[in-house]
């Protein structure tokens, strides 16, 4: 019973204190034109937006700026394409008696090896590949040489990357 009585007293004191505090806040704020100030901000924002949108702009100036930015974009793209790494011309090498040729392509991940192909070491003709997952057989269409090699293209790609990272391709020139 005493606990309920204490809670009721606390609730009544809190209600009175909140009422008095609210009255002080109201007396302080009633002289400030809050709604008028909000309308002033809204009118100012509306005037700013409409003034910006109705700004007299010459169409030729907008077109000139647009074409200039468009041209700069293509100049940057052109300059990026022209920059090739030092290993760009390293497109042929011999790994464990086989001649391998490839091309370099640039994509999101950087410079990647593309079109990796084995060639005959006798007549330098691209080999026809046959085989299974663990090894490949090859046949030269020119000299009809039939060979077996165990290098998978993924292994050759790793060897090429290792030589480019160590700059060993420069020694072969």
C-alpha atoms as a PDB file:
ATOM      1  CA  UNK A   1       0.000   0.000   0.000  1.00  0.00           C
ATOM      2  CA  UNK A   2       2.828   2.392   0.837  1.00  0.00           C
ATOM      3  CA  UNK A   3       4.420   1.623  -2.544  1.00  0.00           C
ATOM      4  CA  UNK A   4       1.240   2.631  -4.419  1.00  0.00           C
ATOM      5  CA  UNK A   5       0.933   5.792  -2.378  1.00  0.00           C
ATOM      6  CA  UNK A   6       4.527   6.783  -3.202  1.00  0.00           C
ATOM      7  CA  UNK A   7       3.904   6.150  -6.903  1.00  0.00           C
ATOM      8  CA  UNK A   8       0.745   8.340  -6.835  1.00  0.00           C
ATOM      9  CA  UNK A   9       2.602  11.164  -5.092  1.00  0.00           C
ATOM     10  CA  UNK A  10       5.416  10.917  -7.638  1.00  0.00           C
ATOM     11  CA  UNK A  11       2.925  10.991 -10.531  1.00  0.00           C
ATOM     12  CA  UNK A  12       1.157  14.089  -9.142  1.00  0.00           C
ATOM     13  CA  UNK A  13       4.427  15.962  -8.546  1.00  0.00           C
ATOM     14  CA  UNK A  14       5.615  15.046 -12.076  1.00  0.00           C
ATOM     15  CA  UNK A  15       2.338  16.273 -13.630  1.00  0.00           C
ATOM     16  CA  UNK A  16       2.535  19.590 -11.763  1.00  0.00           C
ATOM     17  CA  UNK A  17       6.241  20.040 -12.692  1.00  0.00           C
ATOM     18  CA  UNK A  18       5.531  19.238 -16.338  1.00  0.00           C
ATOM     19  CA  UNK A  19       2.630  21.683 -16.403  1.00  0.00           C
ATOM     20  CA  UNK A  20       4.714  24.493 -14.897  1.00  0.00           C
ATOM     21  CA  UNK A  21       7.642  23.772 -17.297  1.00  0.00           C
ATOM     22  CA  UNK A  22       5.267  23.720 -20.259  1.00  0.00           C
ATOM     23  CA  UNK A  23       3.784  27.060 -19.182  1.00  0.00           C
ATOM     24  CA  UNK A  24       7.267  28.619 -19.007  1.00  0.00           C
ATOM     25  CA  UNK A  25       8.112  27.332 -22.477  1.00  0.00           C
ATOM     26  CA  UNK A  26       4.846  28.658 -23.889  1.00  0.00           C
ATOM     27  CA  UNK A  27       5.372  32.103 -22.345  1.00  0.00           C
ATOM     28  CA  UNK A  28       8.898  32.216 -23.810  1.00  0.00           C
ATOM     29  CA  UNK A  29       7.910  31.043 -27.324  1.00  0.00           C
ATOM     30  CA  UNK A  30       4.607  32.912 -27.816  1.00  0.00           C
ATOM     31  CA  UNK A  31       6.396  36.171 -28.692  1.00  0.00           C
ATOM     32  CA  UNK A  32       8.507  34.485 -31.419  1.00  0.00           C
ATOM     33  CA  UNK A  33       6.702  34.280 -34.784  1.00  0.00           C
ATOM     34  CA  UNK A  34       7.580  30.620 -35.469  1.00  0.00           C
ATOM     35  CA  UNK A  35       5.009  30.050 -38.223  1.00  0.00           C
ATOM     36  CA  UNK A  36       5.883  33.346 -39.876  1.00  0.00           C
ATOM     37  CA  UNK A  37       9.559  32.388 -39.817  1.00  0.00           C
ATOM     38  CA  UNK A  38       8.800  28.987 -41.383  1.00  0.00           C
ATOM     39  CA  UNK A  39       6.782  30.657 -44.160  1.00  0.00           C
ATOM     40  CA  UNK A  40       9.670  33.077 -44.738  1.00  0.00           C
ATOM     41  CA  UNK A  41      12.101  30.152 -45.186  1.00  0.00           C
ATOM     42  CA  UNK A  42       9.706  28.383 -47.561  1.00  0.00           C
ATOM     43  CA  UNK A  43       9.185  31.559 -49.670  1.00  0.00           C
ATOM     44  CA  UNK A  44      12.945  32.170 -49.793  1.00  0.00           C
ATOM     45  CA  UNK A  45      13.631  28.551 -50.880  1.00  0.00           C
ATOM     46  CA  UNK A  46      10.912  28.731 -53.545  1.00  0.00           C
ATOM     47  CA  UNK A  47      12.335  31.993 -54.867  1.00  0.00           C
ATOM     48  CA  UNK A  48      15.838  30.527 -54.971  1.00  0.00           C
ATOM     49  CA  UNK A  49      14.705  27.426 -56.896  1.00  0.00           C
ATOM     50  CA  UNK A  50      12.528  29.287 -59.396  1.00  0.00           C
ATOM     51  CA  UNK A  51      15.182  31.950 -59.919  1.00  0.00           C
ATOM     52  CA  UNK A  52      17.790  29.281 -60.633  1.00  0.00           C
ATOM     53  CA  UNK A  53      15.537  27.363 -63.001  1.00  0.00           C
ATOM     54  CA  UNK A  54      14.442  30.499 -64.861  1.00  0.00           C
ATOM     55  CA  UNK A  55      17.997  31.765 -65.311  1.00  0.00           C
ATOM     56  CA  UNK A  56      18.547  32.989 -68.853  1.00  0.00           C
ATOM     57  CA  UNK A  57      21.050  30.587 -70.385  1.00  0.00           C
ATOM     58  CA  UNK A  58      22.176  30.621 -73.984  1.00  0.00           C
ATOM     59  CA  UNK A  59      21.682  27.266 -75.664  1.00  0.00           C
ATOM     60  CA  UNK A  60      24.917  27.595 -77.625  1.00  0.00           C
ATOM     61  CA  UNK A  61      26.855  28.007 -74.348  1.00  0.00           C
ATOM     62  CA  UNK A  62      25.334  24.840 -72.895  1.00  0.00           C
ATOM     63  CA  UNK A  63      26.093  22.907 -76.100  1.00  0.00           C
ATOM     64  CA  UNK A  64      29.657  24.227 -76.172  1.00  0.00           C
ATOM     65  CA  UNK A  65      30.279  23.146 -72.565  1.00  0.00           C
ATOM     66  CA  UNK A  66      28.673  19.763 -73.197  1.00  0.00           C
ATOM     67  CA  UNK A  67      30.759  19.108 -76.307  1.00  0.00           C
ATOM     68  CA  UNK A  68      33.924  20.210 -74.501  1.00  0.00           C
ATOM     69  CA  UNK A  69      33.306  17.796 -71.615  1.00  0.00           C
ATOM     70  CA  UNK A  70      32.415  15.030 -74.079  1.00  0.00           C
ATOM     71  CA  UNK A  71      35.634  15.645 -76.021  1.00  0.00           C
ATOM     72  CA  UNK A  72      37.747  15.650 -72.851  1.00  0.00           C
ATOM     73  CA  UNK A  73      36.221  12.309 -71.879  1.00  0.00           C
ATOM     74  CA  UNK A  74      37.265  10.737 -75.187  1.00  0.00           C
ATOM     75  CA  UNK A  75      40.754  12.248 -75.016  1.00  0.00           C
ATOM     76  CA  UNK A  76      41.224  10.659 -71.581  1.00  0.00           C
ATOM     77  CA  UNK A  77      39.968   7.307 -72.891  1.00  0.00           C
ATOM     78  CA  UNK A  78      42.298   7.517 -75.887  1.00  0.00           C
ATOM     79  CA  UNK A  79      45.308   8.326 -73.704  1.00  0.00           C
ATOM     80  CA  UNK A  80      44.497   5.448 -71.357  1.00  0.00           C
ATOM     81  CA  UNK A  81      44.369   2.989 -74.247  1.00  0.00           C
ATOM     82  CA  UNK A  82      47.689   4.185 -75.616  1.00  0.00           C
ATOM     83  CA  UNK A  83      49.521   3.529 -72.374  1.00  0.00           C
ATOM     84  CA  UNK A  84      50.746  -0.027 -72.618  1.00  0.00           C
ATOM     85  CA  UNK A  85      52.897  -1.799 -70.039  1.00  0.00           C
ATOM     86  CA  UNK A  86      56.502  -2.741 -70.813  1.00  0.00           C
ATOM     87  CA  UNK A  87      55.568  -6.420 -71.163  1.00  0.00           C
ATOM     88  CA  UNK A  88      52.904  -5.719 -73.814  1.00  0.00           C
ATOM     89  CA  UNK A  89      55.102  -6.973 -76.668  1.00  0.00           C
ATOM     90  CA  UNK A  90      56.085 -10.099 -74.745  1.00  0.00           C
ATOM     91  CA  UNK A  91      53.706 -12.440 -76.590  1.00  0.00           C
ATOM     92  CA  UNK A  92      55.774 -15.535 -77.288  1.00  0.00           C
ATOM     93  CA  UNK A  93      57.965 -17.819 -75.219  1.00  0.00           C
ATOM     94  CA  UNK A  94      59.143 -21.406 -74.877  1.00  0.00           C
ATOM     95  CA  UNK A  95      58.175 -23.381 -71.808  1.00  0.00           C
ATOM     96  CA  UNK A  96      59.566 -26.921 -71.448  1.00  0.00           C
ATOM     97  CA  UNK A  97      60.295 -27.253 -75.200  1.00  0.00           C
ATOM     98  CA  UNK A  98      56.901 -25.922 -76.328  1.00  0.00           C
ATOM     99  CA  UNK A  99      56.363 -22.610 -78.050  1.00  0.00           C
ATOM    100  CA  UNK A 100      53.434 -20.684 -76.610  1.00  0.00           C
ATOM    101  CA  UNK A 101      51.920 -17.504 -78.069  1.00  0.00           C
ATOM    102  CA  UNK A 102      49.317 -15.211 -76.552  1.00  0.00           C
ATOM    103  CA  UNK A 103      47.885 -11.705 -76.561  1.00  0.00           C
ATOM    104  CA  UNK A 104      47.375  -9.165 -73.794  1.00  0.00           C
ATOM    105  CA  UNK A 105      43.932  -7.712 -73.060  1.00  0.00           C
ATOM    106  CA  UNK A 106      43.063  -4.989 -70.595  1.00  0.00           C
ATOM    107  CA  UNK A 107      39.884  -5.347 -68.528  1.00  0.00           C
ATOM    108  CA  UNK A 108      38.656  -4.410 -65.058  1.00  0.00           C
ATOM    109  CA  UNK A 109      41.180  -6.697 -63.337  1.00  0.00           C
ATOM    110  CA  UNK A 110      44.093  -5.229 -65.313  1.00  0.00           C
ATOM    111  CA  UNK A 111      46.210  -6.797 -68.059  1.00  0.00           C
ATOM    112  CA  UNK A 112      45.233 -10.417 -68.676  1.00  0.00           C
ATOM    113  CA  UNK A 113      46.580 -13.109 -70.981  1.00  0.00           C
ATOM    114  CA  UNK A 114      44.207 -13.992 -73.798  1.00  0.00           C
ATOM    115  CA  UNK A 115      44.219 -16.465 -76.684  1.00  0.00           C
ATOM    116  CA  UNK A 116      46.995 -18.640 -75.266  1.00  0.00           C
ATOM    117  CA  UNK A 117      47.986 -21.210 -77.921  1.00  0.00           C
ATOM    118  CA  UNK A 118      50.747 -23.845 -78.301  1.00  0.00           C
ATOM    119  CA  UNK A 119      52.814 -23.957 -81.501  1.00  0.00           C
ATOM    120  CA  UNK A 120      54.889 -26.649 -83.147  1.00  0.00           C
ATOM    121  CA  UNK A 121      58.598 -26.260 -82.398  1.00  0.00           C
ATOM    122  CA  UNK A 122      59.544 -27.542 -85.886  1.00  0.00           C
ATOM    123  CA  UNK A 123      57.319 -25.577 -88.280  1.00  0.00           C
ATOM    124  CA  UNK A 124      55.841 -22.865 -85.985  1.00  0.00           C
ATOM    125  CA  UNK A 125      52.209 -23.740 -86.789  1.00  0.00           C
ATOM    126  CA  UNK A 126      49.457 -23.662 -84.177  1.00  0.00           C
ATOM    127  CA  UNK A 127      48.823 -27.115 -82.756  1.00  0.00           C
ATOM    128  CA  UNK A 128      45.474 -28.874 -82.668  1.00  0.00           C
ATOM    129  CA  UNK A 129      44.762 -29.847 -79.072  1.00  0.00           C
ATOM    130  CA  UNK A 130      43.058 -33.032 -77.916  1.00  0.00           C
ATOM    131  CA  UNK A 131      43.181 -34.670 -74.538  1.00  0.00           C
ATOM    132  CA  UNK A 132      41.764 -34.988 -71.055  1.00  0.00           C
ATOM    133  CA  UNK A 133      41.696 -32.835 -67.945  1.00  0.00           C
ATOM    134  CA  UNK A 134      45.152 -33.777 -66.661  1.00  0.00           C
ATOM    135  CA  UNK A 135      47.160 -33.682 -69.893  1.00  0.00           C
ATOM    136  CA  UNK A 136      46.825 -32.532 -73.457  1.00  0.00           C
ATOM    137  CA  UNK A 137      47.825 -34.168 -76.690  1.00  0.00           C
ATOM    138  CA  UNK A 138      48.616 -32.107 -79.728  1.00  0.00           C
ATOM    139  CA  UNK A 139      49.020 -32.625 -83.406  1.00  0.00           C
ATOM    140  CA  UNK A 140      50.680 -30.305 -85.876  1.00  0.00           C
ATOM    141  CA  UNK A 141      48.488 -29.877 -88.966  1.00  0.00           C
ATOM    142  CA  UNK A 142      51.536 -29.046 -91.076  1.00  0.00           C
ATOM    143  CA  UNK A 143      54.163 -31.691 -90.278  1.00  0.00           C
ATOM    144  CA  UNK A 144      51.665 -34.143 -88.686  1.00  0.00           C
ATOM    145  CA  UNK A 145      53.835 -34.483 -85.612  1.00  0.00           C
ATOM    146  CA  UNK A 146      51.902 -35.927 -82.706  1.00  0.00           C
ATOM    147  CA  UNK A 147      53.143 -34.940 -79.235  1.00  0.00           C
ATOM    148  CA  UNK A 148      52.034 -35.222 -75.654  1.00  0.00           C
ATOM    149  CA  UNK A 149      52.584 -32.418 -73.170  1.00  0.00           C
ATOM    150  CA  UNK A 150      51.512 -32.102 -69.570  1.00  0.00           C
ATOM    151  CA  UNK A 151      51.459 -28.350 -69.244  1.00  0.00           C
ATOM    152  CA  UNK A 152      47.950 -27.071 -68.789  1.00  0.00           C
ATOM    153  CA  UNK A 153      47.174 -23.571 -70.039  1.00  0.00           C
ATOM    154  CA  UNK A 154      46.607 -22.419 -66.444  1.00  0.00           C
ATOM    155  CA  UNK A 155      50.165 -23.475 -65.573  1.00  0.00           C
ATOM    156  CA  UNK A 156      51.578 -21.642 -68.584  1.00  0.00           C
ATOM    157  CA  UNK A 157      49.633 -18.503 -67.618  1.00  0.00           C
ATOM    158  CA  UNK A 158      51.217 -18.656 -64.154  1.00  0.00           C
ATOM    159  CA  UNK A 159      54.669 -19.088 -65.695  1.00  0.00           C
ATOM    160  CA  UNK A 160      54.095 -16.096 -67.998  1.00  0.00           C
ATOM    161  CA  UNK A 161      52.954 -13.965 -65.068  1.00  0.00           C
ATOM    162  CA  UNK A 162      55.999 -15.025 -63.065  1.00  0.00           C
ATOM    163  CA  UNK A 163      58.329 -14.005 -65.911  1.00  0.00           C
ATOM    164  CA  UNK A 164      56.593 -10.654 -66.337  1.00  0.00           C
ATOM    165  CA  UNK A 165      56.767  -9.942 -62.601  1.00  0.00           C
ATOM    166  CA  UNK A 166      60.475 -10.830 -62.510  1.00  0.00           C
ATOM    167  CA  UNK A 167      61.059  -9.016 -65.822  1.00  0.00           C
ATOM    168  CA  UNK A 168      62.731 -12.131 -67.238  1.00  0.00           C
ATOM    169  CA  UNK A 169      61.155 -11.451 -70.637  1.00  0.00           C
ATOM    170  CA  UNK A 170      63.631  -8.581 -71.085  1.00  0.00           C
ATOM    171  CA  UNK A 171      66.570 -11.012 -70.947  1.00  0.00           C
ATOM    172  CA  UNK A 172      65.204 -13.056 -73.859  1.00  0.00           C
ATOM    173  CA  UNK A 173      65.216 -10.181 -76.357  1.00  0.00           C
END
